Amino acid sequence: MTAAATSPAEQGVAGDVLTGRVLARTCAAEWTRLWTVRTTWWFLAAAAVVMVGIGTVAGLDADGDASPGAPAWLASSVTAMPGQFALLALCLMAVTADYATGGIVPALQWTPRRGVLFVARAVVAVGAATALGVLLALAAALAAFAAARPVLSLPLDEGLDVLGTVAVVFAAGGALAVGLGFLLRNTAGGLVTVFLVMLVLPLLLPQFGYEWMTELARVLPGTGAAFLLLGEVPGMTTTSSVTTLLGWAGGALLLGWLRLVRDDANR
């Protein structure tokens, strides 16, 4: 008996289904892996303490000082700036932990398609960090509203805008951290790089007073995040900020993917 012949189109569909199934299973495995390690919960706890704690303090300070009806959503933006670093570290550790322990070798034995593993790990880590960031930003606003009630308000339209901005910032920052994790394969180096481009250099470079350093600071992702969340960066616009964040995130992911598919995993 001979096997039934299939057309090239049917073979392509079968291949697509198989790849999708492998990707779904890999995402499920990555999700389980992410939530079964203690480090994830520590980073989540740190982000929650920072964001909800600062939101509560902001609400207490606003009680009696803010104008009646002022939106509590400012707490979401303000707390997202420091709180993002715990979740960016979570994204980075989701990648570099395997390189530190040697777990990347069995991971690629289970999922030999490196592109599939890359996409699954990036989607799960960035998706989790973004969702957690939005939820904590909402919790920070609710904490500020409860602490300052009835001074502050929670207008829905402004809340959707603020939470959408938080989602963009956390998603781009998480993608940057994942890309750096695959590129550097080192937790310490990745953390230092993330802190430099997201916090230290955007704050430090303009202080020297040189125009070229100020211009350099404007093309760093931390400056774009600061403008979107706080809106106090001269020379930046919403378009330039989003473009800067997406450019850094896309570039880091591309470089990380290239190293994963071209270099030995255990080096």
Protein backbone atom coordinates (compact mmCIF):
# COMPACT_ATOMS: atom_id res chain seq x y z
CA MET A 1 0.00 0.00 0.00
CA THR A 2 1.30 3.43 -0.89
CA ALA A 3 0.73 6.60 1.08
CA ALA A 4 -1.82 9.01 -0.30
CA ALA A 5 -0.24 11.85 -2.21
CA THR A 6 -0.70 15.33 -0.83
CA SER A 7 -0.45 18.63 -2.63
CA PRO A 8 2.20 21.22 -1.70
CA ALA A 9 -0.58 23.42 -0.31
CA GLU A 10 -1.83 20.63 1.93
CA GLN A 11 1.73 19.94 3.09
CA GLY A 12 2.16 23.63 3.93
CA VAL A 13 -1.04 23.65 5.96
CA ALA A 14 0.06 20.54 7.84
CA GLY A 15 3.42 22.13 8.57
CA ASP A 16 1.78 25.33 9.78
CA VAL A 17 -0.53 23.41 12.11
CA LEU A 18 2.37 21.42 13.50
CA THR A 19 4.42 24.56 14.13
CA GLY A 20 1.48 26.24 15.80
CA ARG A 21 0.91 23.24 18.01
CA VAL A 22 4.57 23.14 19.02
CA LEU A 23 4.46 26.86 19.76
CA ALA A 24 1.33 26.48 21.90
CA ARG A 25 2.89 23.64 23.88
CA THR A 26 6.12 25.56 24.33
CA CYS A 27 4.23 28.61 25.56
CA ALA A 28 2.39 26.43 28.06
CA ALA A 29 5.69 24.98 29.26
CA GLU A 30 7.23 28.45 29.54
CA TRP A 31 4.20 29.68 31.49
CA THR A 32 4.54 26.81 33.95
CA ARG A 33 8.27 27.38 34.22
CA LEU A 34 7.79 31.09 34.90
CA TRP A 35 5.35 30.60 37.78
CA THR A 36 7.03 27.63 39.46
CA VAL A 37 10.20 29.46 40.46
CA ARG A 38 10.46 31.55 43.61
CA THR A 39 12.22 34.43 41.84
CA THR A 40 9.07 35.33 39.91
CA TRP A 41 7.09 35.81 43.08
CA TRP A 42 9.84 37.90 44.67
CA PHE A 43 9.92 40.26 41.70
CA LEU A 44 6.14 40.46 41.67
CA ALA A 45 6.09 41.22 45.39
CA ALA A 46 8.72 43.95 44.94
CA ALA A 47 6.75 45.57 42.11
CA ALA A 48 3.53 45.39 44.14
CA VAL A 49 5.11 46.96 47.22
CA VAL A 50 6.62 49.80 45.19
CA MET A 51 3.62 50.61 43.04
CA VAL A 52 0.77 50.09 45.48
CA GLY A 53 2.81 51.53 48.35
CA ILE A 54 3.71 54.71 46.49
CA GLY A 55 0.13 54.98 45.25
CA THR A 56 -1.17 54.83 48.82
CA VAL A 57 1.33 57.42 50.02
CA ALA A 58 0.42 59.69 47.10
CA GLY A 59 -3.24 59.40 48.03
CA LEU A 60 -2.54 60.25 51.65
CA ASP A 61 -0.47 63.28 50.62
CA ALA A 62 -3.16 64.43 48.21
CA ASP A 63 -5.90 64.28 50.83
CA GLY A 64 -6.76 67.89 51.53
CA ASP A 65 -4.11 69.30 49.14
CA ALA A 66 -5.36 68.28 45.70
CA SER A 67 -8.20 70.08 43.98
CA PRO A 68 -11.56 68.29 44.35
CA GLY A 69 -12.16 65.83 41.53
CA ALA A 70 -8.48 65.54 40.53
CA PRO A 71 -7.83 62.18 38.80
CA ALA A 72 -6.14 59.45 40.81
CA TRP A 73 -4.65 57.99 37.63
CA LEU A 74 -1.52 60.10 38.08
CA ALA A 75 -0.51 57.53 40.71
CA SER A 76 -0.47 54.86 38.00
CA SER A 77 1.99 56.79 35.84
CA VAL A 78 4.22 57.89 38.71
CA THR A 79 4.47 54.45 40.29
CA ALA A 80 5.00 52.68 36.94
CA MET A 81 8.33 54.48 36.47
CA PRO A 82 10.14 52.83 39.43
CA GLY A 83 7.95 49.74 39.51
CA GLN A 84 8.83 48.70 35.97
CA PHE A 85 12.37 47.70 36.94
CA ALA A 86 11.22 44.75 39.04
CA LEU A 87 9.21 43.41 36.11
CA LEU A 88 11.99 44.11 33.60
CA ALA A 89 14.30 42.11 35.84
CA LEU A 90 11.68 39.35 35.80
CA CYS A 91 11.77 39.27 31.98
CA LEU A 92 15.55 39.22 31.96
CA MET A 93 15.78 36.41 34.52
CA ALA A 94 13.24 34.36 32.56
CA VAL A 95 15.89 34.14 29.83
CA THR A 96 19.27 34.25 31.60
CA ALA A 97 18.41 31.78 34.38
CA ASP A 98 18.70 28.91 31.91
CA TYR A 99 22.15 30.03 30.85
CA ALA A 100 23.32 30.31 34.45
CA THR A 101 22.17 26.80 35.34
CA GLY A 102 22.83 25.12 31.99
CA GLY A 103 19.11 24.50 31.56
CA ILE A 104 19.21 25.95 28.06
CA VAL A 105 20.63 22.66 26.75
CA PRO A 106 17.71 20.42 27.85
CA ALA A 107 15.31 23.22 26.90
CA LEU A 108 16.57 23.07 23.31
CA GLN A 109 16.52 19.29 23.38
CA TRP A 110 12.81 19.43 24.18
CA THR A 111 12.23 22.26 21.69
CA PRO A 112 14.95 21.99 19.02
CA ARG A 113 13.33 24.65 16.89
CA ARG A 114 15.16 27.64 18.30
CA GLY A 115 12.87 30.16 16.70
CA VAL A 116 9.86 28.58 18.38
CA LEU A 117 11.58 28.60 21.78
CA PHE A 118 12.59 32.24 21.29
CA VAL A 119 9.06 33.35 20.39
CA ALA A 120 7.45 31.37 23.21
CA ARG A 121 9.84 32.61 25.87
CA ALA A 122 9.53 36.22 24.68
CA VAL A 123 5.73 36.13 24.42
CA VAL A 124 5.23 34.57 27.85
CA ALA A 125 7.73 36.80 29.68
CA VAL A 126 6.69 40.07 28.01
CA GLY A 127 2.99 39.23 28.18
CA ALA A 128 3.16 38.39 31.88
CA ALA A 129 5.17 41.51 32.73
CA THR A 130 2.81 43.75 30.75
CA ALA A 131 -0.33 42.28 32.29
CA LEU A 132 1.13 42.49 35.79
CA GLY A 133 2.27 46.06 35.20
CA VAL A 134 -1.21 47.16 34.08
CA LEU A 135 -2.88 45.41 37.01
CA LEU A 136 -0.47 46.97 39.52
CA ALA A 137 -0.92 50.40 37.91
CA LEU A 138 -4.68 49.99 38.34
CA ALA A 139 -4.14 48.89 41.95
CA ALA A 140 -1.95 51.96 42.58
CA ALA A 141 -4.68 54.28 41.28
CA LEU A 142 -7.32 52.51 43.38
CA ALA A 143 -5.08 52.76 46.46
CA ALA A 144 -4.58 56.49 45.89
CA PHE A 145 -8.30 56.98 45.32
CA ALA A 146 -9.19 55.09 48.51
CA ALA A 147 -6.58 56.93 50.58
CA ALA A 148 -7.67 60.39 49.38
CA ARG A 149 -11.39 59.77 49.06
CA PRO A 150 -13.43 61.83 48.26
CA VAL A 151 -10.79 64.26 46.97
CA LEU A 152 -9.63 62.21 43.98
CA SER A 153 -11.73 60.76 41.17
CA LEU A 154 -11.37 57.87 38.71
CA PRO A 155 -12.63 58.99 35.26
CA LEU A 156 -12.86 55.95 32.99
CA ASP A 157 -11.67 57.59 29.77
CA GLU A 158 -8.51 58.94 31.35
CA GLY A 159 -7.91 55.62 33.07
CA LEU A 160 -8.01 53.71 29.78
CA ASP A 161 -5.51 56.15 28.29
CA VAL A 162 -3.11 55.91 31.25
CA LEU A 163 -3.29 52.12 31.50
CA GLY A 164 -2.76 51.83 27.73
CA THR A 165 0.36 53.96 28.04
CA VAL A 166 1.60 51.82 30.92
CA ALA A 167 1.04 48.71 28.80
CA VAL A 168 3.12 50.14 25.93
CA VAL A 169 5.98 51.09 28.26
CA PHE A 170 6.04 47.73 30.05
CA ALA A 171 5.72 45.73 26.83
CA ALA A 172 8.56 47.61 25.13
CA GLY A 173 10.75 47.46 28.23
CA GLY A 174 10.04 43.77 28.69
CA ALA A 175 10.92 43.04 25.06
CA LEU A 176 14.16 44.99 25.49
CA ALA A 177 15.03 42.94 28.59
CA VAL A 178 14.25 39.64 26.86
CA GLY A 179 16.35 40.59 23.84
CA LEU A 180 19.27 41.59 26.05
CA GLY A 181 18.92 38.32 27.95
CA PHE A 182 19.29 36.26 24.78
CA LEU A 183 22.07 38.52 23.51
CA LEU A 184 24.23 38.79 26.64
CA ARG A 185 23.29 35.48 28.31
CA ASN A 186 24.38 36.94 31.61
CA THR A 187 22.13 38.16 34.42
CA ALA A 188 24.50 40.75 35.89
CA GLY A 189 25.41 42.20 32.50
CA GLY A 190 21.78 42.33 31.45
CA LEU A 191 20.64 44.04 34.64
CA VAL A 192 23.41 46.64 34.41
CA THR A 193 22.56 47.35 30.77
CA VAL A 194 18.84 47.68 31.48
CA PHE A 195 19.45 50.08 34.36
CA LEU A 196 21.90 52.14 32.29
CA VAL A 197 19.66 52.66 29.25
CA MET A 198 16.37 52.89 31.18
CA LEU A 199 17.39 55.01 34.18
CA VAL A 200 20.97 56.09 34.74
CA LEU A 201 22.04 57.48 31.36
CA PRO A 202 18.75 59.28 30.56
CA LEU A 203 19.04 61.13 33.88
CA LEU A 204 22.81 61.65 33.91
CA LEU A 205 23.71 62.72 30.36
CA PRO A 206 21.66 65.98 30.24
CA GLN A 207 23.31 67.12 33.49
CA PHE A 208 26.67 67.69 31.76
CA GLY A 209 25.27 70.59 29.77
CA TYR A 210 26.52 69.45 26.35
CA GLU A 211 23.97 69.51 23.56
CA TRP A 212 25.17 66.25 22.03
CA MET A 213 24.78 64.45 25.35
CA THR A 214 21.25 65.79 25.67
CA GLU A 215 20.48 64.56 22.16
CA LEU A 216 22.00 61.18 23.01
CA ALA A 217 19.78 60.95 26.09
CA ARG A 218 16.71 61.56 23.91
CA VAL A 219 17.34 58.42 21.85
CA LEU A 220 17.57 56.17 24.91
CA PRO A 221 14.52 54.06 25.82
CA GLY A 222 14.39 55.37 29.37
CA THR A 223 13.80 58.89 28.09
CA GLY A 224 10.92 57.70 25.94
CA ALA A 225 9.40 55.87 28.89
CA ALA A 226 9.77 58.93 31.11
CA PHE A 227 8.01 61.15 28.59
CA LEU A 228 5.10 58.75 28.11
CA LEU A 229 4.60 58.21 31.83
CA LEU A 230 5.50 61.63 33.25
CA GLY A 231 5.48 63.96 30.24
CA GLU A 232 8.31 66.16 31.53
CA VAL A 233 11.07 65.62 28.93
CA PRO A 234 11.92 68.68 26.78
CA GLY A 235 12.24 68.00 23.07
CA MET A 236 10.29 64.72 23.11
CA THR A 237 6.92 63.95 21.54
CA THR A 238 4.59 60.98 21.84
CA THR A 239 5.60 59.78 18.38
CA SER A 240 9.33 60.04 19.03
CA SER A 241 8.96 58.37 22.43
CA VAL A 242 7.02 55.39 21.07
CA THR A 243 9.40 55.11 18.11
CA THR A 244 12.41 55.12 20.43
CA LEU A 245 10.95 52.44 22.71
CA LEU A 246 9.89 50.19 19.84
CA GLY A 247 13.20 50.66 18.05
CA TRP A 248 15.22 49.58 21.07
CA ALA A 249 12.87 46.67 21.80
CA GLY A 250 12.89 45.45 18.19
CA GLY A 251 16.65 45.84 17.87
CA ALA A 252 17.34 43.92 21.08
CA LEU A 253 14.98 41.11 20.07
CA LEU A 254 16.58 40.86 16.64
CA LEU A 255 20.11 40.66 18.05
CA GLY A 256 19.03 38.17 20.71
CA TRP A 257 17.33 35.97 18.11
CA LEU A 258 20.37 36.07 15.84
CA ARG A 259 22.66 34.92 18.63
CA LEU A 260 20.30 32.15 19.70
CA VAL A 261 19.93 30.66 16.21
CA ARG A 262 23.56 31.10 15.15
CA ASP A 263 25.71 30.45 18.24
CA ASP A 264 26.12 27.44 20.48
CA ALA A 265 23.58 27.63 23.28
CA ASN A 266 26.00 26.68 26.04
CA ARG A 267 28.64 29.34 25.29
